Amino acid sequence: MGNRPKDPRRAFCTFITIFLLLAGLAVLIGWLIYRPHKPQFTVVGAAIYDLNTTSPPFISTSMQFTLVTRNPNRRVSIMYDKLTAYVSYRNQAITPPLVLPPLYHEKKSTVALSPVLGGAGVPVSVEVSNGLVMDEAYGVVALRVVVLGRLRWKAGVIKTGRYGVYVKCDIWVGLKKGFVGQVPLLGSPQCKVDI
């Protein structure tokens, strides 16, 4: 009795199976080491320079918000491009979108952004116009600062594809009609970041 020759198809299937298992293990280890975490955004300051309602319902405004963004990753940098920011009130934009410059966010770093948002009158609903007048009379206005754009993760020389990023910061500011300048933030929880 002699040795039977090995089946080449079986050897090939075994090779492919072992190769795929090792490749999958390498990808899993790489993901566990370089797993990127979402950036964190917080609004830390606000200034209102102009906020007027006119008839037919338009809102003209000039506002500046200081946003602090933190990259919590130890091994991954973040590259932002095509960023725009605007302010909304009662789910309606009250400033035109402002294009922000591209931003490179190093590992474990913090960056502050202070865009001035606003400009000419933005058409709004009567409900929004009347609500803003009432909230100013009360002295508390709820605003939402929104930042939209694209980001890429970078680990060493490896860059990922672009992902959409949507940052939503719901804040309460103390604001009385006619006041101009720094306004107190009455509530500034961490912003919600969706990627």
Protein backbone atom coordinates (compact mmCIF):
# COMPACT_ATOMS: atom_id res chain seq x y z
CA MET A 1 0.00 0.00 0.00
CA GLY A 2 1.46 3.36 -1.05
CA ASN A 3 0.68 6.85 0.11
CA ARG A 4 -2.30 8.42 -1.63
CA PRO A 5 -1.53 11.71 -3.39
CA LYS A 6 -2.98 14.80 -1.70
CA ASP A 7 -5.99 16.43 -3.30
CA PRO A 8 -4.81 19.85 -4.65
CA ARG A 9 -8.28 21.36 -4.26
CA ARG A 10 -8.38 20.49 -0.57
CA ALA A 11 -4.91 21.97 0.00
CA PHE A 12 -5.94 25.15 -1.82
CA CYS A 13 -9.16 25.48 0.24
CA THR A 14 -7.17 24.98 3.46
CA PHE A 15 -4.67 27.65 2.37
CA ILE A 16 -7.48 30.13 1.52
CA THR A 17 -9.25 29.45 4.84
CA ILE A 18 -6.07 30.02 6.88
CA PHE A 19 -5.22 33.14 4.86
CA LEU A 20 -8.70 34.63 5.39
CA LEU A 21 -8.61 33.87 9.13
CA LEU A 22 -5.19 35.55 9.50
CA ALA A 23 -6.30 38.56 7.41
CA GLY A 24 -9.46 38.90 9.49
CA LEU A 25 -7.44 38.68 12.70
CA ALA A 26 -5.05 41.38 11.45
CA VAL A 27 -7.97 43.68 10.55
CA LEU A 28 -9.57 43.09 13.97
CA ILE A 29 -6.33 43.87 15.81
CA GLY A 30 -5.82 47.01 13.67
CA TRP A 31 -9.38 48.15 14.35
CA LEU A 32 -8.99 47.59 18.11
CA ILE A 33 -5.74 49.58 18.18
CA TYR A 34 -6.75 52.46 15.87
CA ARG A 35 -10.53 52.51 16.47
CA PRO A 36 -11.41 56.18 16.01
CA HIS A 37 -13.68 57.90 18.50
CA LYS A 38 -15.97 60.77 17.55
CA PRO A 39 -14.70 64.30 18.12
CA GLN A 40 -16.29 66.21 20.99
CA PHE A 41 -17.73 69.74 20.62
CA THR A 42 -18.83 72.19 23.32
CA VAL A 43 -20.03 75.81 23.11
CA VAL A 44 -18.13 77.83 25.75
CA GLY A 45 -19.01 81.42 24.82
CA ALA A 46 -21.56 83.51 22.97
CA ALA A 47 -21.87 87.14 21.90
CA ILE A 48 -24.85 88.78 20.20
CA TYR A 49 -24.02 91.94 18.23
CA ASP A 50 -27.31 92.33 16.38
CA LEU A 51 -30.67 90.56 16.53
CA ASN A 52 -33.63 92.25 14.88
CA THR A 53 -36.97 91.14 13.54
CA THR A 54 -38.69 93.12 10.79
CA SER A 55 -41.90 92.86 8.83
CA PRO A 56 -42.58 90.82 6.67
CA PRO A 57 -40.96 88.34 9.02
CA PHE A 58 -37.20 88.61 8.58
CA ILE A 59 -34.46 88.15 11.16
CA SER A 60 -31.14 89.92 10.74
CA THR A 61 -28.44 88.98 13.16
CA SER A 62 -24.76 88.95 13.95
CA MET A 63 -23.64 86.37 16.52
CA GLN A 64 -20.33 84.89 17.55
CA PHE A 65 -20.02 81.52 19.24
CA THR A 66 -16.86 79.97 20.62
CA LEU A 67 -16.86 76.23 20.06
CA VAL A 68 -14.17 74.02 21.57
CA THR A 69 -13.57 70.75 19.78
CA ARG A 70 -11.49 67.92 21.21
CA ASN A 71 -9.98 64.94 19.42
CA PRO A 72 -10.02 62.14 22.03
CA ASN A 73 -7.98 59.71 19.88
CA ARG A 74 -4.43 58.79 20.88
CA ARG A 75 -3.42 57.37 17.50
CA VAL A 76 -5.78 58.98 14.99
CA SER A 77 -5.88 62.56 13.64
CA ILE A 78 -9.00 64.12 12.12
CA MET A 79 -9.12 66.21 8.94
CA TYR A 80 -12.24 68.35 8.38
CA ASP A 81 -13.21 69.94 5.10
CA LYS A 82 -16.31 71.55 3.59
CA LEU A 83 -17.43 72.76 7.01
CA THR A 84 -20.36 75.16 7.24
CA ALA A 85 -22.01 76.63 10.32
CA TYR A 86 -25.33 78.32 10.99
CA VAL A 87 -27.67 79.15 13.87
CA SER A 88 -31.27 77.97 14.10
CA TYR A 89 -34.12 78.94 16.37
CA ARG A 90 -37.18 76.69 16.74
CA ASN A 91 -35.79 74.43 13.98
CA GLN A 92 -35.53 77.25 11.45
CA ALA A 93 -32.23 78.76 10.28
CA ILE A 94 -31.85 82.40 11.34
CA THR A 95 -28.38 82.91 9.84
CA PRO A 96 -27.14 82.05 6.37
CA PRO A 97 -24.61 79.19 6.30
CA LEU A 98 -21.00 80.32 6.77
CA VAL A 99 -18.20 78.33 5.10
CA LEU A 100 -15.41 77.59 7.60
CA PRO A 101 -11.78 76.95 6.65
CA PRO A 102 -10.49 73.34 6.57
CA LEU A 103 -9.28 72.11 9.95
CA TYR A 104 -6.61 69.54 10.84
CA HIS A 105 -7.07 68.12 14.32
CA GLU A 106 -3.98 66.46 15.83
CA LYS A 107 -4.21 63.46 18.15
CA LYS A 108 -5.37 64.25 21.72
CA SER A 109 -5.67 67.97 20.94
CA THR A 110 -8.19 70.74 21.50
CA VAL A 111 -9.05 73.49 19.01
CA ALA A 112 -11.27 76.56 19.49
CA LEU A 113 -13.40 78.03 16.68
CA SER A 114 -15.09 81.45 16.94
CA PRO A 115 -17.10 82.06 13.76
CA VAL A 116 -19.21 85.20 13.42
CA LEU A 117 -22.55 84.08 12.00
CA GLY A 118 -25.25 86.27 10.54
CA GLY A 119 -25.75 88.96 7.99
CA ALA A 120 -28.66 90.27 5.99
CA GLY A 121 -32.23 89.39 6.83
CA VAL A 122 -33.26 85.74 6.64
CA PRO A 123 -36.95 85.04 5.93
CA VAL A 124 -38.64 83.21 8.80
CA SER A 125 -42.15 82.14 9.76
CA VAL A 126 -44.41 84.43 11.80
CA GLU A 127 -44.24 81.87 14.63
CA VAL A 128 -40.42 82.13 14.75
CA SER A 129 -40.46 85.93 14.61
CA ASN A 130 -43.09 86.23 17.37
CA GLY A 131 -41.39 83.53 19.47
CA LEU A 132 -38.08 85.37 19.36
CA VAL A 133 -39.72 88.63 20.46
CA MET A 134 -41.43 86.82 23.39
CA ASP A 135 -38.25 84.95 24.42
CA GLU A 136 -36.22 88.19 24.37
CA ALA A 137 -38.86 89.84 26.58
CA TYR A 138 -38.57 86.88 28.96
CA GLY A 139 -34.76 87.08 28.86
CA VAL A 140 -33.92 83.51 27.77
CA VAL A 141 -33.48 82.37 24.17
CA ALA A 142 -32.89 78.76 23.10
CA LEU A 143 -30.62 78.53 20.04
CA ARG A 144 -29.01 75.71 18.12
CA VAL A 145 -25.53 76.06 16.60
CA VAL A 146 -25.07 73.60 13.73
CA VAL A 147 -21.81 72.59 12.05
CA LEU A 148 -21.97 70.38 8.95
CA GLY A 149 -19.18 69.01 6.81
CA ARG A 150 -16.96 66.09 5.94
CA LEU A 151 -14.17 64.46 7.92
CA ARG A 152 -11.46 61.89 7.36
CA TRP A 153 -9.54 59.88 9.94
CA LYS A 154 -5.75 59.66 9.56
CA ALA A 155 -3.55 57.07 11.28
CA GLY A 156 0.07 57.36 10.16
CA VAL A 157 0.00 57.39 6.36
CA ILE A 158 -3.41 55.71 6.16
CA LYS A 159 -6.41 57.97 5.47
CA THR A 160 -10.02 56.85 5.43
CA GLY A 161 -12.66 57.97 2.99
CA ARG A 162 -14.76 61.03 3.76
CA TYR A 163 -17.60 60.76 6.25
CA GLY A 164 -20.38 63.29 6.76
CA VAL A 165 -20.33 65.00 10.16
CA TYR A 166 -23.31 66.76 11.77
CA VAL A 167 -22.74 68.68 15.01
CA LYS A 168 -25.78 70.00 16.88
CA CYS A 169 -25.26 72.28 19.91
CA ASP A 170 -28.43 73.23 21.81
CA ILE A 171 -27.78 76.20 24.08
CA TRP A 172 -29.74 78.66 26.21
CA VAL A 173 -28.53 82.26 26.31
CA GLY A 174 -29.59 85.08 28.62
CA LEU A 175 -30.64 87.82 26.22
CA LYS A 176 -32.78 90.92 26.63
CA LYS A 177 -34.03 93.06 23.74
CA GLY A 178 -31.45 95.66 22.76
CA PHE A 179 -28.51 94.06 24.63
CA VAL A 180 -25.26 93.84 22.66
CA GLY A 181 -22.08 91.89 23.52
CA GLN A 182 -21.19 88.78 25.54
CA VAL A 183 -24.26 86.96 26.77
CA PRO A 184 -24.34 84.35 29.53
CA LEU A 185 -24.76 80.70 28.60
CA LEU A 186 -27.50 79.33 30.84
CA GLY A 187 -27.08 75.78 29.64
CA SER A 188 -24.23 74.39 27.54
CA PRO A 189 -24.26 70.61 27.46
CA GLN A 190 -21.85 68.82 25.19
CA CYS A 191 -22.94 68.95 21.56
CA LYS A 192 -24.35 65.90 19.80
CA VAL A 193 -22.03 64.63 17.03
CA ASP A 194 -23.32 62.29 14.30
CA ILE A 195 -20.97 60.72 11.75
